[in-house]
Amino acid sequence: MLAIRSVLREKRYLSPDISAKVIEGYIDGRKAVKSGSTWDSLTLREREVLKLIAEGRKNKEIAEILFISAKTVAKHRSNLMNKLDLHSASALTAYAVERGLLAK
């Protein structure tokens, strides 16, 4: 209900689980966040997967949304972690937030 009220008031809302991931990722991964040139190296599909990871979605959900296999999602996740030198979903989420990928 809080999420709906927030959205209706044109405010941002992150679930407690996502908020915890963002904070954890920010604390753990802040030093590992790369410059804009690393962002430029991400493919469009990797950016789509990153956004969905940041929304708290699991590989299977992402696969269904993007009409790809869960193994392909896992490979994109691995590529993201390698390219960005980030080693957890929470660090990826913090990076996505920093890049403005989550809706306001």
PDB file of N, CA and C in Angstrom:
ATOM      1  N   MET A   1       0.821  -1.183   0.000  1.00  0.00           N
ATOM      2  CA  MET A   1       0.000   0.000   0.000  1.00  0.00           C
ATOM      3  C   MET A   1       0.872   1.257   0.000  1.00  0.00           C
ATOM      4  N   LEU A   2       1.961   1.220   0.753  1.00  0.00           N
ATOM      5  CA  LEU A   2       2.862   2.364   0.815  1.00  0.00           C
ATOM      6  C   LEU A   2       3.456   2.663  -0.556  1.00  0.00           C
ATOM      7  N   ALA A   3       3.791   1.621  -1.288  1.00  0.00           N
ATOM      8  CA  ALA A   3       4.358   1.791  -2.634  1.00  0.00           C
ATOM      9  C   ALA A   3       3.355   2.512  -3.531  1.00  0.00           C
ATOM     10  N   ILE A   4       2.119   2.100  -3.482  1.00  0.00           N
ATOM     11  CA  ILE A   4       1.085   2.711  -4.322  1.00  0.00           C
ATOM     12  C   ILE A   4       0.903   4.177  -3.955  1.00  0.00           C
ATOM     13  N   ARG A   5       0.833   4.466  -2.664  1.00  0.00           N
ATOM     14  CA  ARG A   5       0.683   5.856  -2.225  1.00  0.00           C
ATOM     15  C   ARG A   5       1.865   6.708  -2.678  1.00  0.00           C
ATOM     16  N   SER A   6       3.047   6.169  -2.556  1.00  0.00           N
ATOM     17  CA  SER A   6       4.248   6.905  -2.969  1.00  0.00           C
ATOM     18  C   SER A   6       4.215   7.223  -4.452  1.00  0.00           C
ATOM     19  N   VAL A   7       3.882   6.231  -5.244  1.00  0.00           N
ATOM     20  CA  VAL A   7       3.839   6.422  -6.699  1.00  0.00           C
ATOM     21  C   VAL A   7       2.756   7.423  -7.072  1.00  0.00           C
ATOM     22  N   LEU A   8       1.605   7.334  -6.435  1.00  0.00           N
ATOM     23  CA  LEU A   8       0.527   8.280  -6.722  1.00  0.00           C
ATOM     24  C   LEU A   8       0.918   9.717  -6.370  1.00  0.00           C
ATOM     25  N   ARG A   9       1.796   9.864  -5.403  1.00  0.00           N
ATOM     26  CA  ARG A   9       2.291  11.196  -5.024  1.00  0.00           C
ATOM     27  C   ARG A   9       3.524  11.603  -5.831  1.00  0.00           C
ATOM     28  N   GLU A  10       3.823  10.794  -6.856  1.00  0.00           N
ATOM     29  CA  GLU A  10       4.969  11.036  -7.726  1.00  0.00           C
ATOM     30  C   GLU A  10       6.285  11.055  -6.946  1.00  0.00           C
ATOM     31  N   LYS A  11       6.370  10.171  -5.963  1.00  0.00           N
ATOM     32  CA  LYS A  11       7.581  10.023  -5.166  1.00  0.00           C
ATOM     33  C   LYS A  11       8.227   8.695  -5.487  1.00  0.00           C
ATOM     34  N   ARG A  12       9.466   8.576  -5.121  1.00  0.00           N
ATOM     35  CA  ARG A  12      10.201   7.330  -5.325  1.00  0.00           C
ATOM     36  C   ARG A  12       9.840   6.331  -4.236  1.00  0.00           C
ATOM     37  N   TYR A  13       9.888   5.061  -4.620  1.00  0.00           N
ATOM     38  CA  TYR A  13       9.669   4.004  -3.643  1.00  0.00           C
ATOM     39  C   TYR A  13      10.588   2.830  -3.951  1.00  0.00           C
ATOM     40  N   LEU A  14      11.299   2.391  -2.944  1.00  0.00           N
ATOM     41  CA  LEU A  14      12.089   1.162  -3.038  1.00  0.00           C
ATOM     42  C   LEU A  14      11.639   0.266  -1.900  1.00  0.00           C
ATOM     43  N   SER A  15      11.423  -0.988  -2.208  1.00  0.00           N
ATOM     44  CA  SER A  15      11.015  -1.928  -1.169  1.00  0.00           C
ATOM     45  C   SER A  15      12.139  -2.045  -0.141  1.00  0.00           C
ATOM     46  N   PRO A  16      11.827  -2.465   1.069  1.00  0.00           N
ATOM     47  CA  PRO A  16      12.882  -2.632   2.079  1.00  0.00           C
ATOM     48  C   PRO A  16      13.997  -3.567   1.625  1.00  0.00           C
ATOM     49  N   ASP A  17      13.647  -4.634   0.882  1.00  0.00           N
ATOM     50  CA  ASP A  17      14.677  -5.559   0.388  1.00  0.00           C
ATOM     51  C   ASP A  17      15.613  -4.864  -0.590  1.00  0.00           C
ATOM     52  N   ILE A  18      15.053  -4.103  -1.511  1.00  0.00           N
ATOM     53  CA  ILE A  18      15.880  -3.390  -2.499  1.00  0.00           C
ATOM     54  C   ILE A  18      16.687  -2.306  -1.801  1.00  0.00           C
ATOM     55  N   SER A  19      16.087  -1.586  -0.877  1.00  0.00           N
ATOM     56  CA  SER A  19      16.815  -0.543  -0.141  1.00  0.00           C
ATOM     57  C   SER A  19      18.019  -1.129   0.584  1.00  0.00           C
ATOM     58  N   ALA A  20      17.818  -2.285   1.204  1.00  0.00           N
ATOM     59  CA  ALA A  20      18.929  -2.934   1.911  1.00  0.00           C
ATOM     60  C   ALA A  20      20.029  -3.317   0.938  1.00  0.00           C
ATOM     61  N   LYS A  21      19.654  -3.823  -0.245  1.00  0.00           N
ATOM     62  CA  LYS A  21      20.644  -4.187  -1.253  1.00  0.00           C
ATOM     63  C   LYS A  21      21.408  -2.954  -1.746  1.00  0.00           C
ATOM     64  N   VAL A  22      20.694  -1.876  -1.949  1.00  0.00           N
ATOM     65  CA  VAL A  22      21.335  -0.649  -2.416  1.00  0.00           C
ATOM     66  C   VAL A  22      22.346  -0.150  -1.393  1.00  0.00           C
ATOM     67  N   ILE A  23      21.945  -0.115  -0.142  1.00  0.00           N
ATOM     68  CA  ILE A  23      22.844   0.360   0.914  1.00  0.00           C
ATOM     69  C   ILE A  23      24.044  -0.560   1.055  1.00  0.00           C
ATOM     70  N   GLU A  24      23.798  -1.857   1.082  1.00  0.00           N
ATOM     71  CA  GLU A  24      24.892  -2.825   1.193  1.00  0.00           C
ATOM     72  C   GLU A  24      25.849  -2.709   0.004  1.00  0.00           C
ATOM     73  N   GLY A  25      25.272  -2.618  -1.177  1.00  0.00           N
ATOM     74  CA  GLY A  25      26.093  -2.489  -2.380  1.00  0.00           C
ATOM     75  C   GLY A  25      26.884  -1.204  -2.404  1.00  0.00           C
ATOM     76  N   TYR A  26      26.265  -0.141  -1.929  1.00  0.00           N
ATOM     77  CA  TYR A  26      26.963   1.142  -1.882  1.00  0.00           C
ATOM     78  C   TYR A  26      28.159   1.055  -0.939  1.00  0.00           C
ATOM     79  N   ILE A  27      27.938   0.476   0.210  1.00  0.00           N
ATOM     80  CA  ILE A  27      29.020   0.356   1.193  1.00  0.00           C
ATOM     81  C   ILE A  27      30.104  -0.596   0.695  1.00  0.00           C
ATOM     82  N   ASP A  28      29.694  -1.767   0.173  1.00  0.00           N
ATOM     83  CA  ASP A  28      30.653  -2.780  -0.266  1.00  0.00           C
ATOM     84  C   ASP A  28      31.291  -2.473  -1.610  1.00  0.00           C
ATOM     85  N   GLY A  29      30.529  -1.884  -2.489  1.00  0.00           N
ATOM     86  CA  GLY A  29      31.007  -1.750  -3.855  1.00  0.00           C
ATOM     87  C   GLY A  29      31.397  -0.357  -4.301  1.00  0.00           C
ATOM     88  N   ARG A  30      31.295   0.602  -3.433  1.00  0.00           N
ATOM     89  CA  ARG A  30      31.550   1.993  -3.817  1.00  0.00           C
ATOM     90  C   ARG A  30      32.926   2.181  -4.438  1.00  0.00           C
ATOM     91  N   LYS A  31      33.916   1.583  -3.868  1.00  0.00           N
ATOM     92  CA  LYS A  31      35.272   1.751  -4.376  1.00  0.00           C
ATOM     93  C   LYS A  31      35.477   1.064  -5.720  1.00  0.00           C
ATOM     94  N   ALA A  32      34.650   0.050  -5.990  1.00  0.00           N
ATOM     95  CA  ALA A  32      34.825  -0.726  -7.217  1.00  0.00           C
ATOM     96  C   ALA A  32      34.068  -0.146  -8.412  1.00  0.00           C
ATOM     97  N   VAL A  33      33.222   0.853  -8.186  1.00  0.00           N
ATOM     98  CA  VAL A  33      32.444   1.427  -9.279  1.00  0.00           C
ATOM     99  C   VAL A  33      33.392   2.100 -10.265  1.00  0.00           C
ATOM    100  N   LYS A  34      33.216   1.753 -11.527  1.00  0.00           N
ATOM    101  CA  LYS A  34      34.113   2.229 -12.570  1.00  0.00           C
ATOM    102  C   LYS A  34      33.618   3.529 -13.181  1.00  0.00           C
ATOM    103  N   SER A  35      34.459   4.140 -13.974  1.00  0.00           N
ATOM    104  CA  SER A  35      34.148   5.409 -14.634  1.00  0.00           C
ATOM    105  C   SER A  35      33.162   5.205 -15.777  1.00  0.00           C
ATOM    106  N   GLY A  36      32.776   6.318 -16.420  1.00  0.00           N
ATOM    107  CA  GLY A  36      31.842   6.294 -17.532  1.00  0.00           C
ATOM    108  C   GLY A  36      32.298   5.420 -18.679  1.00  0.00           C
ATOM    109  N   SER A  37      33.597   5.277 -18.891  1.00  0.00           N
ATOM    110  CA  SER A  37      34.070   4.461 -20.003  1.00  0.00           C
ATOM    111  C   SER A  37      33.666   2.994 -19.821  1.00  0.00           C
ATOM    112  N   THR A  38      33.599   2.531 -18.595  1.00  0.00           N
ATOM    113  CA  THR A  38      33.139   1.168 -18.337  1.00  0.00           C
ATOM    114  C   THR A  38      31.658   1.061 -18.673  1.00  0.00           C
ATOM    115  N   TRP A  39      30.899   2.057 -18.308  1.00  0.00           N
ATOM    116  CA  TRP A  39      29.473   2.092 -18.642  1.00  0.00           C
ATOM    117  C   TRP A  39      29.294   1.992 -20.150  1.00  0.00           C
ATOM    118  N   ASP A  40      30.117   2.706 -20.885  1.00  0.00           N
ATOM    119  CA  ASP A  40      30.033   2.690 -22.346  1.00  0.00           C
ATOM    120  C   ASP A  40      30.348   1.316 -22.927  1.00  0.00           C
ATOM    121  N   SER A  41      31.062   0.488 -22.188  1.00  0.00           N
ATOM    122  CA  SER A  41      31.413  -0.840 -22.701  1.00  0.00           C
ATOM    123  C   SER A  41      30.274  -1.850 -22.543  1.00  0.00           C
ATOM    124  N   LEU A  42      29.245  -1.501 -21.781  1.00  0.00           N
ATOM    125  CA  LEU A  42      28.122  -2.413 -21.583  1.00  0.00           C
ATOM    126  C   LEU A  42      27.223  -2.424 -22.818  1.00  0.00           C
ATOM    127  N   THR A  43      26.783  -3.618 -23.183  1.00  0.00           N
ATOM    128  CA  THR A  43      25.852  -3.729 -24.300  1.00  0.00           C
ATOM    129  C   THR A  43      24.458  -3.311 -23.832  1.00  0.00           C
ATOM    130  N   LEU A  44      23.587  -3.062 -24.789  1.00  0.00           N
ATOM    131  CA  LEU A  44      22.211  -2.712 -24.458  1.00  0.00           C
ATOM    132  C   LEU A  44      21.562  -3.817 -23.630  1.00  0.00           C
ATOM    133  N   ARG A  45      21.794  -5.070 -24.003  1.00  0.00           N
ATOM    134  CA  ARG A  45      21.209  -6.191 -23.276  1.00  0.00           C
ATOM    135  C   ARG A  45      21.759  -6.257 -21.848  1.00  0.00           C
ATOM    136  N   GLU A  46      23.061  -6.018 -21.685  1.00  0.00           N
ATOM    137  CA  GLU A  46      23.646  -6.018 -20.337  1.00  0.00           C
ATOM    138  C   GLU A  46      23.022  -4.914 -19.497  1.00  0.00           C
ATOM    139  N   ARG A  47      22.751  -3.779 -20.094  1.00  0.00           N
ATOM    140  CA  ARG A  47      22.098  -2.683 -19.361  1.00  0.00           C
ATOM    141  C   ARG A  47      20.678  -3.067 -18.963  1.00  0.00           C
ATOM    142  N   GLU A  48      19.974  -3.762 -19.851  1.00  0.00           N
ATOM    143  CA  GLU A  48      18.624  -4.232 -19.525  1.00  0.00           C
ATOM    144  C   GLU A  48      18.674  -5.213 -18.355  1.00  0.00           C
ATOM    145  N   VAL A  49      19.600  -6.146 -18.414  1.00  0.00           N
ATOM    146  CA  VAL A  49      19.747  -7.132 -17.345  1.00  0.00           C
ATOM    147  C   VAL A  49      20.135  -6.441 -16.042  1.00  0.00           C
ATOM    148  N   LEU A  50      21.037  -5.488 -16.107  1.00  0.00           N
ATOM    149  CA  LEU A  50      21.456  -4.736 -14.916  1.00  0.00           C
ATOM    150  C   LEU A  50      20.269  -4.052 -14.264  1.00  0.00           C
ATOM    151  N   LYS A  51      19.435  -3.412 -15.056  1.00  0.00           N
ATOM    152  CA  LYS A  51      18.255  -2.729 -14.522  1.00  0.00           C
ATOM    153  C   LYS A  51      17.336  -3.723 -13.809  1.00  0.00           C
ATOM    154  N   LEU A  52      17.113  -4.868 -14.426  1.00  0.00           N
ATOM    155  CA  LEU A  52      16.227  -5.864 -13.826  1.00  0.00           C
ATOM    156  C   LEU A  52      16.832  -6.477 -12.567  1.00  0.00           C
ATOM    157  N   ILE A  53      18.139  -6.660 -12.545  1.00  0.00           N
ATOM    158  CA  ILE A  53      18.818  -7.118 -11.317  1.00  0.00           C
ATOM    159  C   ILE A  53      18.598  -6.091 -10.213  1.00  0.00           C
ATOM    160  N   ALA A  54      18.759  -4.815 -10.565  1.00  0.00           N
ATOM    161  CA  ALA A  54      18.597  -3.741  -9.581  1.00  0.00           C
ATOM    162  C   ALA A  54      17.171  -3.662  -9.053  1.00  0.00           C
ATOM    163  N   GLU A  55      16.223  -4.108  -9.847  1.00  0.00           N
ATOM    164  CA  GLU A  55      14.822  -4.150  -9.404  1.00  0.00           C
ATOM    165  C   GLU A  55      14.556  -5.346  -8.494  1.00  0.00           C
ATOM    166  N   GLY A  56      15.586  -6.179  -8.292  1.00  0.00           N
ATOM    167  CA  GLY A  56      15.450  -7.319  -7.392  1.00  0.00           C
ATOM    168  C   GLY A  56      14.939  -8.585  -8.054  1.00  0.00           C
ATOM    169  N   ARG A  57      14.967  -8.626  -9.353  1.00  0.00           N
ATOM    170  CA  ARG A  57      14.452  -9.793 -10.070  1.00  0.00           C
ATOM    171  C   ARG A  57      15.491 -10.913 -10.118  1.00  0.00           C
ATOM    172  N   LYS A  58      15.008 -12.132 -10.107  1.00  0.00           N
ATOM    173  CA  LYS A  58      15.853 -13.327 -10.186  1.00  0.00           C
ATOM    174  C   LYS A  58      16.105 -13.671 -11.650  1.00  0.00           C
ATOM    175  N   ASN A  59      17.114 -14.509 -11.890  1.00  0.00           N
ATOM    176  CA  ASN A  59      17.481 -14.882 -13.259  1.00  0.00           C
ATOM    177  C   ASN A  59      16.287 -15.415 -14.057  1.00  0.00           C
ATOM    178  N   LYS A  60      15.487 -16.264 -13.435  1.00  0.00           N
ATOM    179  CA  LYS A  60      14.345 -16.857 -14.133  1.00  0.00           C
ATOM    180  C   LYS A  60      13.344 -15.775 -14.552  1.00  0.00           C
ATOM    181  N   GLU A  61      13.077 -14.828 -13.673  1.00  0.00           N
ATOM    182  CA  GLU A  61      12.153 -13.735 -13.997  1.00  0.00           C
ATOM    183  C   GLU A  61      12.702 -12.885 -15.141  1.00  0.00           C
ATOM    184  N   ILE A  62      13.991 -12.570 -15.052  1.00  0.00           N
ATOM    185  CA  ILE A  62      14.630 -11.764 -16.091  1.00  0.00           C
ATOM    186  C   ILE A  62      14.537 -12.483 -17.432  1.00  0.00           C
ATOM    187  N   ALA A  63      14.790 -13.786 -17.407  1.00  0.00           N
ATOM    188  CA  ALA A  63      14.720 -14.588 -18.632  1.00  0.00           C
ATOM    189  C   ALA A  63      13.328 -14.509 -19.251  1.00  0.00           C
ATOM    190  N   GLU A  64      12.308 -14.618 -18.436  1.00  0.00           N
ATOM    191  CA  GLU A  64      10.938 -14.558 -18.937  1.00  0.00           C
ATOM    192  C   GLU A  64      10.610 -13.185 -19.511  1.00  0.00           C
ATOM    193  N   ILE A  65      11.052 -12.144 -18.843  1.00  0.00           N
ATOM    194  CA  ILE A  65      10.790 -10.773 -19.299  1.00  0.00           C
ATOM    195  C   ILE A  65      11.474 -10.500 -20.635  1.00  0.00           C
ATOM    196  N   LEU A  66      12.715 -10.957 -20.768  1.00  0.00           N
ATOM    197  CA  LEU A  66      13.509 -10.653 -21.959  1.00  0.00           C
ATOM    198  C   LEU A  66      13.422 -11.740 -23.035  1.00  0.00           C
ATOM    199  N   PHE A  67      12.674 -12.803 -22.759  1.00  0.00           N
ATOM    200  CA  PHE A  67      12.514 -13.905 -23.710  1.00  0.00           C
ATOM    201  C   PHE A  67      13.862 -14.536 -24.086  1.00  0.00           C
ATOM    202  N   ILE A  68      14.665 -14.786 -23.052  1.00  0.00           N
ATOM    203  CA  ILE A  68      15.949 -15.467 -23.221  1.00  0.00           C
ATOM    204  C   ILE A  68      16.025 -16.559 -22.155  1.00  0.00           C
ATOM    205  N   SER A  69      17.031 -17.413 -22.240  1.00  0.00           N
ATOM    206  CA  SER A  69      17.151 -18.482 -21.253  1.00  0.00           C
ATOM    207  C   SER A  69      17.767 -17.956 -19.950  1.00  0.00           C
ATOM    208  N   ALA A  70      17.506 -18.672 -18.873  1.00  0.00           N
ATOM    209  CA  ALA A  70      18.086 -18.314 -17.574  1.00  0.00           C
ATOM    210  C   ALA A  70      19.615 -18.416 -17.626  1.00  0.00           C
ATOM    211  N   LYS A  71      20.135 -19.356 -18.427  1.00  0.00           N
ATOM    212  CA  LYS A  71      21.587 -19.487 -18.578  1.00  0.00           C
ATOM    213  C   LYS A  71      22.177 -18.250 -19.260  1.00  0.00           C
ATOM    214  N   THR A  72      21.455 -17.698 -20.224  1.00  0.00           N
ATOM    215  CA  THR A  72      21.914 -16.477 -20.891  1.00  0.00           C
ATOM    216  C   THR A  72      21.919 -15.307 -19.909  1.00  0.00           C
ATOM    217  N   VAL A  73      20.903 -15.244 -19.075  1.00  0.00           N
ATOM    218  CA  VAL A  73      20.858 -14.201 -18.044  1.00  0.00           C
ATOM    219  C   VAL A  73      22.059 -14.354 -17.112  1.00  0.00           C
ATOM    220  N   ALA A  74      22.340 -15.579 -16.697  1.00  0.00           N
ATOM    221  CA  ALA A  74      23.481 -15.821 -15.806  1.00  0.00           C
ATOM    222  C   ALA A  74      24.783 -15.376 -16.465  1.00  0.00           C
ATOM    223  N   LYS A  75      24.907 -15.607 -17.759  1.00  0.00           N
ATOM    224  CA  LYS A  75      26.108 -15.183 -18.484  1.00  0.00           C
ATOM    225  C   LYS A  75      26.198 -13.663 -18.531  1.00  0.00           C
ATOM    226  N   HIS A  76      25.084 -12.990 -18.790  1.00  0.00           N
ATOM    227  CA  HIS A  76      25.070 -11.517 -18.782  1.00  0.00           C
ATOM    228  C   HIS A  76      25.445 -10.990 -17.398  1.00  0.00           C
ATOM    229  N   ARG A  77      24.908 -11.623 -16.359  1.00  0.00           N
ATOM    230  CA  ARG A  77      25.219 -11.211 -14.979  1.00  0.00           C
ATOM    231  C   ARG A  77      26.725 -11.361 -14.719  1.00  0.00           C
ATOM    232  N   SER A  78      27.277 -12.475 -15.147  1.00  0.00           N
ATOM    233  CA  SER A  78      28.714 -12.715 -14.989  1.00  0.00           C
ATOM    234  C   SER A  78      29.534 -11.677 -15.751  1.00  0.00           C
ATOM    235  N   ASN A  79      29.118 -11.398 -16.994  1.00  0.00           N
ATOM    236  CA  ASN A  79      29.815 -10.382 -17.788  1.00  0.00           C
ATOM    237  C   ASN A  79      29.762  -9.015 -17.117  1.00  0.00           C
ATOM    238  N   LEU A  80      28.594  -8.673 -16.571  1.00  0.00           N
ATOM    239  CA  LEU A  80      28.448  -7.390 -15.865  1.00  0.00           C
ATOM    240  C   LEU A  80      29.411  -7.309 -14.686  1.00  0.00           C
ATOM    241  N   MET A  81      29.441  -8.366 -13.898  1.00  0.00           N
ATOM    242  CA  MET A  81      30.309  -8.374 -12.721  1.00  0.00           C
ATOM    243  C   MET A  81      31.777  -8.250 -13.123  1.00  0.00           C
ATOM    244  N   ASN A  82      32.151  -8.929 -14.203  1.00  0.00           N
ATOM    245  CA  ASN A  82      33.535  -8.851 -14.669  1.00  0.00           C
ATOM    246  C   ASN A  82      33.862  -7.472 -15.222  1.00  0.00           C
ATOM    247  N   LYS A  83      33.003  -6.943 -16.077  1.00  0.00           N
ATOM    248  CA  LYS A  83      33.260  -5.639 -16.689  1.00  0.00           C
ATOM    249  C   LYS A  83      33.303  -4.520 -15.653  1.00  0.00           C
ATOM    250  N   LEU A  84      32.409  -4.590 -14.687  1.00  0.00           N
ATOM    251  CA  LEU A  84      32.293  -3.530 -13.683  1.00  0.00           C
ATOM    252  C   LEU A  84      33.149  -3.784 -12.449  1.00  0.00           C
ATOM    253  N   ASP A  85      33.732  -4.970 -12.365  1.00  0.00           N
ATOM    254  CA  ASP A  85      34.518  -5.377 -11.200  1.00  0.00           C
ATOM    255  C   ASP A  85      33.686  -5.249  -9.926  1.00  0.00           C
ATOM    256  N   LEU A  86      32.441  -5.705 -10.016  1.00  0.00           N
ATOM    257  CA  LEU A  86      31.522  -5.735  -8.884  1.00  0.00           C
ATOM    258  C   LEU A  86      31.169  -7.199  -8.659  1.00  0.00           C
ATOM    259  N   HIS A  87      31.028  -7.595  -7.396  1.00  0.00           N
ATOM    260  CA  HIS A  87      30.964  -9.025  -7.118  1.00  0.00           C
ATOM    261  C   HIS A  87      29.732  -9.487  -6.355  1.00  0.00           C
ATOM    262  N   SER A  88      28.668  -8.695  -6.408  1.00  0.00           N
ATOM    263  CA  SER A  88      27.423  -9.109  -5.761  1.00  0.00           C
ATOM    264  C   SER A  88      26.260  -8.374  -6.415  1.00  0.00           C
ATOM    265  N   ALA A  89      25.068  -8.933  -6.229  1.00  0.00           N
ATOM    266  CA  ALA A  89      23.867  -8.282  -6.755  1.00  0.00           C
ATOM    267  C   ALA A  89      23.669  -6.924  -6.100  1.00  0.00           C
ATOM    268  N   SER A  90      24.017  -6.817  -4.830  1.00  0.00           N
ATOM    269  CA  SER A  90      23.843  -5.533  -4.148  1.00  0.00           C
ATOM    270  C   SER A  90      24.788  -4.473  -4.713  1.00  0.00           C
ATOM    271  N   ALA A  91      26.003  -4.866  -5.073  1.00  0.00           N
ATOM    272  CA  ALA A  91      26.937  -3.910  -5.682  1.00  0.00           C
ATOM    273  C   ALA A  91      26.444  -3.503  -7.071  1.00  0.00           C
ATOM    274  N   LEU A  92      25.902  -4.457  -7.830  1.00  0.00           N
ATOM    275  CA  LEU A  92      25.324  -4.128  -9.138  1.00  0.00           C
ATOM    276  C   LEU A  92      24.135  -3.184  -8.970  1.00  0.00           C
ATOM    277  N   THR A  93      23.317  -3.430  -7.949  1.00  0.00           N
ATOM    278  CA  THR A  93      22.168  -2.573  -7.689  1.00  0.00           C
ATOM    279  C   THR A  93      22.606  -1.152  -7.356  1.00  0.00           C
ATOM    280  N   ALA A  94      23.612  -1.026  -6.524  1.00  0.00           N
ATOM    281  CA  ALA A  94      24.124   0.307  -6.178  1.00  0.00           C
ATOM    282  C   ALA A  94      24.646   1.020  -7.422  1.00  0.00           C
ATOM    283  N   TYR A  95      25.324   0.291  -8.283  1.00  0.00           N
ATOM    284  CA  TYR A  95      25.835   0.869  -9.526  1.00  0.00           C
ATOM    285  C   TYR A  95      24.678   1.332 -10.410  1.00  0.00           C
ATOM    286  N   ALA A  96      23.641   0.515 -10.521  1.00  0.00           N
ATOM    287  CA  ALA A  96      22.478   0.864 -11.338  1.00  0.00           C
ATOM    288  C   ALA A  96      21.797   2.116 -10.805  1.00  0.00           C
ATOM    289  N   VAL A  97      21.685   2.215  -9.490  1.00  0.00           N
ATOM    290  CA  VAL A  97      21.094   3.398  -8.873  1.00  0.00           C
ATOM    291  C   VAL A  97      21.945   4.623  -9.188  1.00  0.00           C
ATOM    292  N   GLU A  98      23.250   4.476  -9.060  1.00  0.00           N
ATOM    293  CA  GLU A  98      24.168   5.578  -9.340  1.00  0.00           C
ATOM    294  C   GLU A  98      24.054   6.033 -10.804  1.00  0.00           C
ATOM    295  N   ARG A  99      23.804   5.104 -11.700  1.00  0.00           N
ATOM    296  CA  ARG A  99      23.685   5.414 -13.132  1.00  0.00           C
ATOM    297  C   ARG A  99      22.272   5.883 -13.492  1.00  0.00           C
ATOM    298  N   GLY A 100      21.358   5.888 -12.530  1.00  0.00           N
ATOM    299  CA  GLY A 100      19.993   6.373 -12.782  1.00  0.00           C
ATOM    300  C   GLY A 100      19.106   5.393 -13.530  1.00  0.00           C
ATOM    301  N   LEU A 101      19.372   4.101 -13.406  1.00  0.00           N
ATOM    302  CA  LEU A 101      18.588   3.100 -14.141  1.00  0.00           C
ATOM    303  C   LEU A 101      17.229   2.810 -13.526  1.00  0.00           C
ATOM    304  N   LEU A 102      17.050   3.096 -12.254  1.00  0.00           N
ATOM    305  CA  LEU A 102      15.770   2.805 -11.611  1.00  0.00           C
ATOM    306  C   LEU A 102      14.829   3.992 -11.771  1.00  0.00           C
ATOM    307  N   ALA A 103      13.565   3.700 -12.014  1.00  0.00           N
ATOM    308  CA  ALA A 103      12.555   4.754 -12.201  1.00  0.00           C
ATOM    309  C   ALA A 103      12.418   5.595 -10.947  1.00  0.00           C
ATOM    310  N   LYS A 104      12.170   6.844 -11.153  1.00  0.00           N
ATOM    311  CA  LYS A 104      12.043   7.773 -10.023  1.00  0.00           C
ATOM    312  C   LYS A 104      10.674   7.743  -9.415  1.00  0.00           C
TER     313      LYS A 104
END
